[in-house]
Amino acid sequence: MLRVALALAFIVGTASAGAAASPGAEDACIATNANFRAADGVRLEGAVLGRGTTGVVLAHQLAGDRCQWLPFARELTAKGYRALAFDMRGYGSSSGLDGTYPDRDVTAAAKELRRRGATRIVLVGASMGGTGVVVAAPGIRPPVSGLVDLSGPTGFGGVNALPAAKKLRAPALFVAGRDDGSYAIATRTLYRAAASKDKKLLMAPTSWHGVDLVSRPDVKKAVLAFIARVGAS
């Protein structure tokens, strides 16, 4: 019931925010050049941009796809990173049941970036994808260099992010709009639960959600600074 309520809140919140500003609206997408599989066999598709040795996984939100990440992926590549924006299971070109096990997809994406030459991995996830990066991070080997959770709920698609947060050791940045209802509460909860010694909470003065948050200059600056710091270590 909690997952259903969060999903409905997201849909309503995104619709109202989009009507006001549509900060994340896109008129283009990223052509597929990456095909890989999650550990449970689900086929995933996405696109890798750039050639840097620091790889950034970009995990989208509910009812989205890799297209959401195009502007930010381009900014990352311009700064020398290798970015993988991909369709999570059940969305876009990927197979599987939508809205389930986002952590498995994030883990597979990190593995794909390493296969392509990335030596350091930073996970960035929005809403559903944010839950995915928090749950996936403790189990990825070699360990990730850091993670960014944008409006991730504490539980989604059969996974619970709270126990995972208590196992986090990697640097972590938690971001949400302070007026984003239950997602603002969830972000604060995960931040407090995170065991990482290097962690930060950013509550932006907005109701924007997930991927849209990186359209804000203050959030974008903070996320890019975080990636630069942990991706160079």
C-alpha atoms as a PDB file:
ATOM      1  CA  MET A   1       0.000   0.000   0.000  1.00  0.00           C
ATOM      2  CA  LEU A   2       2.845   2.392   0.770  1.00  0.00           C
ATOM      3  CA  ARG A   3       4.373   1.840  -2.681  1.00  0.00           C
ATOM      4  CA  VAL A   4       1.004   2.488  -4.351  1.00  0.00           C
ATOM      5  CA  ALA A   5       0.493   5.669  -2.340  1.00  0.00           C
ATOM      6  CA  LEU A   6       3.963   6.925  -3.192  1.00  0.00           C
ATOM      7  CA  ALA A   7       3.481   6.148  -6.855  1.00  0.00           C
ATOM      8  CA  LEU A   8       0.177   8.034  -6.931  1.00  0.00           C
ATOM      9  CA  ALA A   9       1.711  10.964  -5.098  1.00  0.00           C
ATOM     10  CA  PHE A  10       4.504  11.045  -7.643  1.00  0.00           C
ATOM     11  CA  ILE A  11       2.130  11.046 -10.605  1.00  0.00           C
ATOM     12  CA  VAL A  12      -0.002  13.831  -9.155  1.00  0.00           C
ATOM     13  CA  GLY A  13       2.999  15.880  -8.042  1.00  0.00           C
ATOM     14  CA  THR A  14       4.791  15.508 -11.341  1.00  0.00           C
ATOM     15  CA  ALA A  15       1.716  16.489 -13.300  1.00  0.00           C
ATOM     16  CA  SER A  16       1.230  19.699 -11.326  1.00  0.00           C
ATOM     17  CA  ALA A  17       4.918  20.597 -11.415  1.00  0.00           C
ATOM     18  CA  GLY A  18       5.063  19.895 -15.129  1.00  0.00           C
ATOM     19  CA  ALA A  19       2.097  22.146 -15.797  1.00  0.00           C
ATOM     20  CA  ALA A  20       3.844  24.961 -13.985  1.00  0.00           C
ATOM     21  CA  ALA A  21       7.321  24.748 -15.458  1.00  0.00           C
ATOM     22  CA  SER A  22       8.046  21.461 -17.263  1.00  0.00           C
ATOM     23  CA  PRO A  23      11.760  21.776 -16.357  1.00  0.00           C
ATOM     24  CA  GLY A  24      12.601  18.278 -17.552  1.00  0.00           C
ATOM     25  CA  ALA A  25      10.619  18.184 -20.791  1.00  0.00           C
ATOM     26  CA  GLU A  26      12.644  16.809 -23.707  1.00  0.00           C
ATOM     27  CA  ASP A  27      12.130  16.697 -27.448  1.00  0.00           C
ATOM     28  CA  ALA A  28      14.886  14.175 -28.181  1.00  0.00           C
ATOM     29  CA  CYS A  29      16.301  10.954 -26.825  1.00  0.00           C
ATOM     30  CA  ILE A  30      19.576   9.058 -26.715  1.00  0.00           C
ATOM     31  CA  ALA A  31      19.999   6.320 -29.323  1.00  0.00           C
ATOM     32  CA  THR A  32      20.640   2.831 -27.973  1.00  0.00           C
ATOM     33  CA  ASN A  33      24.253   1.678 -28.049  1.00  0.00           C
ATOM     34  CA  ALA A  34      24.289  -0.512 -24.939  1.00  0.00           C
ATOM     35  CA  ASN A  35      22.559  -3.856 -24.416  1.00  0.00           C
ATOM     36  CA  PHE A  36      23.151  -5.759 -21.191  1.00  0.00           C
ATOM     37  CA  ARG A  37      21.355  -8.007 -18.723  1.00  0.00           C
ATOM     38  CA  ALA A  38      20.556  -7.868 -15.044  1.00  0.00           C
ATOM     39  CA  ALA A  39      21.554 -10.816 -12.869  1.00  0.00           C
ATOM     40  CA  ASP A  40      18.029 -12.253 -13.113  1.00  0.00           C
ATOM     41  CA  GLY A  41      18.187 -12.276 -16.913  1.00  0.00           C
ATOM     42  CA  VAL A  42      16.156  -9.151 -17.688  1.00  0.00           C
ATOM     43  CA  ARG A  43      17.414  -7.471 -20.869  1.00  0.00           C
ATOM     44  CA  LEU A  44      18.219  -3.776 -20.480  1.00  0.00           C
ATOM     45  CA  GLU A  45      18.980  -1.160 -23.122  1.00  0.00           C
ATOM     46  CA  GLY A  46      20.533   2.259 -22.845  1.00  0.00           C
ATOM     47  CA  ALA A  47      23.160   4.587 -24.188  1.00  0.00           C
ATOM     48  CA  VAL A  48      26.715   5.299 -23.129  1.00  0.00           C
ATOM     49  CA  LEU A  49      28.000   8.817 -23.756  1.00  0.00           C
ATOM     50  CA  GLY A  50      31.601   9.941 -23.312  1.00  0.00           C
ATOM     51  CA  ARG A  51      34.863   8.119 -22.750  1.00  0.00           C
ATOM     52  CA  GLY A  52      36.001   9.061 -19.263  1.00  0.00           C
ATOM     53  CA  THR A  53      37.358   6.624 -16.705  1.00  0.00           C
ATOM     54  CA  THR A  54      34.758   7.793 -14.167  1.00  0.00           C
ATOM     55  CA  GLY A  55      31.423   6.255 -15.099  1.00  0.00           C
ATOM     56  CA  VAL A  56      28.089   7.696 -14.001  1.00  0.00           C
ATOM     57  CA  VAL A  57      24.980   5.500 -13.902  1.00  0.00           C
ATOM     58  CA  LEU A  58      21.782   7.486 -14.550  1.00  0.00           C
ATOM     59  CA  ALA A  59      18.677   5.641 -13.291  1.00  0.00           C
ATOM     60  CA  HIS A  60      15.329   7.224 -14.176  1.00  0.00           C
ATOM     61  CA  GLN A  61      12.078   7.620 -12.260  1.00  0.00           C
ATOM     62  CA  LEU A  62       8.661   5.970 -12.421  1.00  0.00           C
ATOM     63  CA  ALA A  63       6.931   6.302 -15.816  1.00  0.00           C
ATOM     64  CA  GLY A  64      10.149   7.674 -17.328  1.00  0.00           C
ATOM     65  CA  ASP A  65      13.005   6.405 -19.465  1.00  0.00           C
ATOM     66  CA  ARG A  66      16.576   7.259 -20.430  1.00  0.00           C
ATOM     67  CA  CYS A  67      15.391  10.293 -22.441  1.00  0.00           C
ATOM     68  CA  GLN A  68      14.893  12.211 -19.174  1.00  0.00           C
ATOM     69  CA  TRP A  69      18.623  12.237 -18.600  1.00  0.00           C
ATOM     70  CA  LEU A  70      19.766  13.565 -21.989  1.00  0.00           C
ATOM     71  CA  PRO A  71      20.640  17.160 -20.962  1.00  0.00           C
ATOM     72  CA  PHE A  72      22.457  16.087 -17.799  1.00  0.00           C
ATOM     73  CA  ALA A  73      24.241  13.228 -19.575  1.00  0.00           C
ATOM     74  CA  ARG A  74      25.577  15.714 -22.126  1.00  0.00           C
ATOM     75  CA  GLU A  75      26.835  17.972 -19.351  1.00  0.00           C
ATOM     76  CA  LEU A  76      28.613  15.041 -17.748  1.00  0.00           C
ATOM     77  CA  THR A  77      30.334  14.052 -20.982  1.00  0.00           C
ATOM     78  CA  ALA A  78      31.415  17.649 -21.555  1.00  0.00           C
ATOM     79  CA  LYS A  79      33.183  17.427 -18.198  1.00  0.00           C
ATOM     80  CA  GLY A  80      35.003  14.241 -19.141  1.00  0.00           C
ATOM     81  CA  TYR A  81      32.771  11.555 -17.631  1.00  0.00           C
ATOM     82  CA  ARG A  82      31.352   8.397 -19.196  1.00  0.00           C
ATOM     83  CA  ALA A  83      27.585   8.361 -18.605  1.00  0.00           C
ATOM     84  CA  LEU A  84      25.145   5.472 -18.988  1.00  0.00           C
ATOM     85  CA  ALA A  85      21.487   6.483 -19.269  1.00  0.00           C
ATOM     86  CA  PHE A  86      19.342   3.382 -19.578  1.00  0.00           C
ATOM     87  CA  ASP A  87      15.751   2.180 -19.622  1.00  0.00           C
ATOM     88  CA  MET A  88      14.955   0.348 -16.422  1.00  0.00           C
ATOM     89  CA  ARG A  89      13.033  -2.910 -16.671  1.00  0.00           C
ATOM     90  CA  GLY A  90       9.619  -2.564 -18.230  1.00  0.00           C
ATOM     91  CA  TYR A  91      10.310   0.916 -19.603  1.00  0.00           C
ATOM     92  CA  GLY A  92      11.421   2.116 -23.016  1.00  0.00           C
ATOM     93  CA  SER A  93      13.288  -0.625 -24.866  1.00  0.00           C
ATOM     94  CA  SER A  94      14.021  -2.821 -21.848  1.00  0.00           C
ATOM     95  CA  SER A  95      12.222  -6.067 -21.036  1.00  0.00           C
ATOM     96  CA  GLY A  96      10.773  -7.173 -17.718  1.00  0.00           C
ATOM     97  CA  LEU A  97       8.022  -6.008 -15.392  1.00  0.00           C
ATOM     98  CA  ASP A  98       7.985  -2.257 -14.847  1.00  0.00           C
ATOM     99  CA  GLY A  99       8.318  -0.817 -11.364  1.00  0.00           C
ATOM    100  CA  THR A 100      10.165  -3.794  -9.899  1.00  0.00           C
ATOM    101  CA  TYR A 101      13.649  -4.376  -8.477  1.00  0.00           C
ATOM    102  CA  PRO A 102      15.339  -1.122  -9.529  1.00  0.00           C
ATOM    103  CA  ASP A 103      18.455  -2.158  -7.609  1.00  0.00           C
ATOM    104  CA  ARG A 104      19.092  -5.075  -9.967  1.00  0.00           C
ATOM    105  CA  ASP A 105      19.077  -2.740 -12.955  1.00  0.00           C
ATOM    106  CA  VAL A 106      21.427  -0.260 -11.278  1.00  0.00           C
ATOM    107  CA  THR A 107      23.861  -3.056 -10.418  1.00  0.00           C
ATOM    108  CA  ALA A 108      23.828  -4.270 -14.020  1.00  0.00           C
ATOM    109  CA  ALA A 109      24.411  -0.748 -15.332  1.00  0.00           C
ATOM    110  CA  ALA A 110      27.434  -0.285 -13.058  1.00  0.00           C
ATOM    111  CA  LYS A 111      28.834  -3.595 -14.312  1.00  0.00           C
ATOM    112  CA  GLU A 112      28.329  -2.489 -17.916  1.00  0.00           C
ATOM    113  CA  LEU A 113      30.238   0.749 -17.337  1.00  0.00           C
ATOM    114  CA  ARG A 114      33.130  -1.171 -15.797  1.00  0.00           C
ATOM    115  CA  ARG A 115      33.120  -3.528 -18.760  1.00  0.00           C
ATOM    116  CA  ARG A 116      33.494  -0.512 -21.005  1.00  0.00           C
ATOM    117  CA  GLY A 117      36.509   0.809 -19.137  1.00  0.00           C
ATOM    118  CA  ALA A 118      35.238   2.897 -16.235  1.00  0.00           C
ATOM    119  CA  THR A 119      37.464   2.473 -13.184  1.00  0.00           C
ATOM    120  CA  ARG A 120      35.325   4.535 -10.810  1.00  0.00           C
ATOM    121  CA  ILE A 121      31.520   4.433 -10.624  1.00  0.00           C
ATOM    122  CA  VAL A 122      29.088   7.042  -9.325  1.00  0.00           C
ATOM    123  CA  LEU A 123      25.399   6.130  -9.091  1.00  0.00           C
ATOM    124  CA  VAL A 124      22.722   8.767  -9.704  1.00  0.00           C
ATOM    125  CA  GLY A 125      19.054   7.833  -9.355  1.00  0.00           C
ATOM    126  CA  ALA A 126      15.783   9.746  -9.480  1.00  0.00           C
ATOM    127  CA  SER A 127      12.777   8.681  -7.374  1.00  0.00           C
ATOM    128  CA  MET A 128      12.395   4.962  -8.253  1.00  0.00           C
ATOM    129  CA  GLY A 129      15.987   5.105  -9.475  1.00  0.00           C
ATOM    130  CA  GLY A 130      17.014   6.785  -6.231  1.00  0.00           C
ATOM    131  CA  THR A 131      15.698   3.832  -4.259  1.00  0.00           C
ATOM    132  CA  GLY A 132      17.582   1.623  -6.696  1.00  0.00           C
ATOM    133  CA  VAL A 133      20.961   3.287  -6.163  1.00  0.00           C
ATOM    134  CA  VAL A 134      20.655   3.226  -2.369  1.00  0.00           C
ATOM    135  CA  VAL A 135      19.742  -0.467  -2.332  1.00  0.00           C
ATOM    136  CA  ALA A 136      22.312  -1.471  -4.954  1.00  0.00           C
ATOM    137  CA  ALA A 137      25.320   0.461  -3.664  1.00  0.00           C
ATOM    138  CA  PRO A 138      26.319  -1.696  -0.650  1.00  0.00           C
ATOM    139  CA  GLY A 139      26.486  -4.867  -2.750  1.00  0.00           C
ATOM    140  CA  ILE A 140      28.374  -3.629  -5.819  1.00  0.00           C
ATOM    141  CA  ARG A 141      31.969  -4.847  -6.125  1.00  0.00           C
ATOM    142  CA  PRO A 142      34.382  -3.206  -6.525  1.00  0.00           C
ATOM    143  CA  PRO A 143      32.686  -0.583  -4.339  1.00  0.00           C
ATOM    144  CA  VAL A 144      31.175   2.467  -5.988  1.00  0.00           C
ATOM    145  CA  SER A 145      32.841   5.849  -5.451  1.00  0.00           C
ATOM    146  CA  GLY A 146      29.603   7.550  -4.447  1.00  0.00           C
ATOM    147  CA  LEU A 147      25.871   7.852  -4.982  1.00  0.00           C
ATOM    148  CA  VAL A 148      23.264  10.563  -5.466  1.00  0.00           C
ATOM    149  CA  ASP A 149      19.641   9.934  -4.469  1.00  0.00           C
ATOM    150  CA  LEU A 150      17.157  12.425  -5.952  1.00  0.00           C
ATOM    151  CA  SER A 151      13.762  12.075  -4.205  1.00  0.00           C
ATOM    152  CA  GLY A 152      14.005   8.320  -3.675  1.00  0.00           C
ATOM    153  CA  PRO A 153      11.257   6.705  -1.570  1.00  0.00           C
ATOM    154  CA  THR A 154      12.289   4.388   1.249  1.00  0.00           C
ATOM    155  CA  GLY A 155      10.698   1.417  -0.487  1.00  0.00           C
ATOM    156  CA  PHE A 156       9.764   0.641  -4.063  1.00  0.00           C
ATOM    157  CA  GLY A 157       9.225  -2.323  -6.366  1.00  0.00           C
ATOM    158  CA  GLY A 158       9.890  -5.070  -3.860  1.00  0.00           C
ATOM    159  CA  VAL A 159      12.941  -3.487  -2.221  1.00  0.00           C
ATOM    160  CA  ASN A 160      13.430  -1.652   1.067  1.00  0.00           C
ATOM    161  CA  ALA A 161      16.079   1.060   1.057  1.00  0.00           C
ATOM    162  CA  LEU A 162      16.285   1.539   4.824  1.00  0.00           C
ATOM    163  CA  PRO A 163      18.280  -1.624   5.645  1.00  0.00           C
ATOM    164  CA  ALA A 164      20.542  -0.881   2.684  1.00  0.00           C
ATOM    165  CA  ALA A 165      21.133   2.694   3.848  1.00  0.00           C
ATOM    166  CA  LYS A 166      22.391   1.327   7.156  1.00  0.00           C
ATOM    167  CA  LYS A 167      25.029  -0.604   5.203  1.00  0.00           C
ATOM    168  CA  LEU A 168      26.192   2.299   3.044  1.00  0.00           C
ATOM    169  CA  ARG A 169      29.882   3.095   3.211  1.00  0.00           C
ATOM    170  CA  ALA A 170      30.306   5.128   0.029  1.00  0.00           C
ATOM    171  CA  PRO A 171      29.940   8.926   0.035  1.00  0.00           C
ATOM    172  CA  ALA A 172      26.279   9.845  -0.473  1.00  0.00           C
ATOM    173  CA  LEU A 173      24.320  12.937  -1.455  1.00  0.00           C
ATOM    174  CA  PHE A 174      20.582  12.945  -0.708  1.00  0.00           C
ATOM    175  CA  VAL A 175      18.484  15.579  -2.493  1.00  0.00           C
ATOM    176  CA  ALA A 176      14.769  16.405  -2.503  1.00  0.00           C
ATOM    177  CA  GLY A 177      12.424  19.340  -2.863  1.00  0.00           C
ATOM    178  CA  ARG A 178      11.427  20.378   0.616  1.00  0.00           C
ATOM    179  CA  ASP A 179       7.825  20.780  -0.600  1.00  0.00           C
ATOM    180  CA  ASP A 180       7.719  17.352  -2.288  1.00  0.00           C
ATOM    181  CA  GLY A 181       5.495  15.758   0.332  1.00  0.00           C
ATOM    182  CA  SER A 182       6.257  12.157   1.262  1.00  0.00           C
ATOM    183  CA  TYR A 183       9.401  12.172  -0.878  1.00  0.00           C
ATOM    184  CA  ALA A 184      10.919  14.965   1.191  1.00  0.00           C
ATOM    185  CA  ILE A 185      10.213  12.901   4.302  1.00  0.00           C
ATOM    186  CA  ALA A 186      11.682   9.768   2.716  1.00  0.00           C
ATOM    187  CA  THR A 187      14.854  11.576   1.670  1.00  0.00           C
ATOM    188  CA  ARG A 188      15.430  12.892   5.166  1.00  0.00           C
ATOM    189  CA  THR A 189      14.778   9.417   6.570  1.00  0.00           C
ATOM    190  CA  LEU A 190      17.292   7.759   4.268  1.00  0.00           C
ATOM    191  CA  TYR A 191      19.874  10.442   4.979  1.00  0.00           C
ATOM    192  CA  ARG A 192      19.555   9.899   8.711  1.00  0.00           C
ATOM    193  CA  ALA A 193      19.730   6.116   8.289  1.00  0.00           C
ATOM    194  CA  ALA A 194      22.780   6.162   6.010  1.00  0.00           C
ATOM    195  CA  ALA A 195      25.896   4.767   7.667  1.00  0.00           C
ATOM    196  CA  SER A 196      28.217   6.693   5.345  1.00  0.00           C
ATOM    197  CA  LYS A 197      30.626   8.951   7.194  1.00  0.00           C
ATOM    198  CA  ASP A 198      30.668  11.190   4.129  1.00  0.00           C
ATOM    199  CA  LYS A 199      27.033  12.143   3.546  1.00  0.00           C
ATOM    200  CA  LYS A 200      25.095  15.314   2.810  1.00  0.00           C
ATOM    201  CA  LEU A 201      21.429  16.312   2.692  1.00  0.00           C
ATOM    202  CA  LEU A 202      20.209  19.033   0.320  1.00  0.00           C
ATOM    203  CA  MET A 203      16.579  20.128   0.610  1.00  0.00           C
ATOM    204  CA  ALA A 204      15.875  22.512  -2.259  1.00  0.00           C
ATOM    205  CA  PRO A 205      13.172  25.193  -1.862  1.00  0.00           C
ATOM    206  CA  THR A 206      10.832  23.649  -4.431  1.00  0.00           C
ATOM    207  CA  SER A 207       8.248  20.945  -5.048  1.00  0.00           C
ATOM    208  CA  TRP A 208      10.147  19.654  -8.107  1.00  0.00           C
ATOM    209  CA  HIS A 209      10.785  15.944  -8.096  1.00  0.00           C
ATOM    210  CA  GLY A 210      13.448  13.496  -9.268  1.00  0.00           C
ATOM    211  CA  VAL A 211      15.189  14.275 -12.549  1.00  0.00           C
ATOM    212  CA  ASP A 212      13.631  17.745 -12.678  1.00  0.00           C
ATOM    213  CA  LEU A 213      15.717  18.733  -9.654  1.00  0.00           C
ATOM    214  CA  VAL A 214      18.936  18.815 -11.699  1.00  0.00           C
ATOM    215  CA  SER A 215      17.350  21.556 -13.806  1.00  0.00           C
ATOM    216  CA  ARG A 216      17.754  23.832 -10.793  1.00  0.00           C
ATOM    217  CA  PRO A 217      21.146  25.606 -10.756  1.00  0.00           C
ATOM    218  CA  ASP A 218      21.649  25.038  -7.021  1.00  0.00           C
ATOM    219  CA  VAL A 219      20.995  21.300  -7.240  1.00  0.00           C
ATOM    220  CA  LYS A 220      22.965  20.849 -10.456  1.00  0.00           C
ATOM    221  CA  LYS A 221      25.951  22.639  -8.939  1.00  0.00           C
ATOM    222  CA  ALA A 222      25.841  20.445  -5.841  1.00  0.00           C
ATOM    223  CA  VAL A 223      25.502  17.197  -7.804  1.00  0.00           C
ATOM    224  CA  LEU A 224      28.286  18.056 -10.241  1.00  0.00           C
ATOM    225  CA  ALA A 225      30.580  19.102  -7.371  1.00  0.00           C
ATOM    226  CA  PHE A 226      29.856  15.826  -5.583  1.00  0.00           C
ATOM    227  CA  ILE A 227      30.605  13.751  -8.685  1.00  0.00           C
ATOM    228  CA  ALA A 228      33.823  15.703  -9.302  1.00  0.00           C
ATOM    229  CA  ARG A 229      34.977  15.118  -5.738  1.00  0.00           C
ATOM    230  CA  VAL A 230      34.200  11.426  -5.354  1.00  0.00           C
ATOM    231  CA  GLY A 231      34.892  10.552  -8.988  1.00  0.00           C
ATOM    232  CA  ALA A 232      38.448  11.809  -8.774  1.00  0.00           C
ATOM    233  CA  SER A 233      39.364   9.937  -5.571  1.00  0.00           C
END
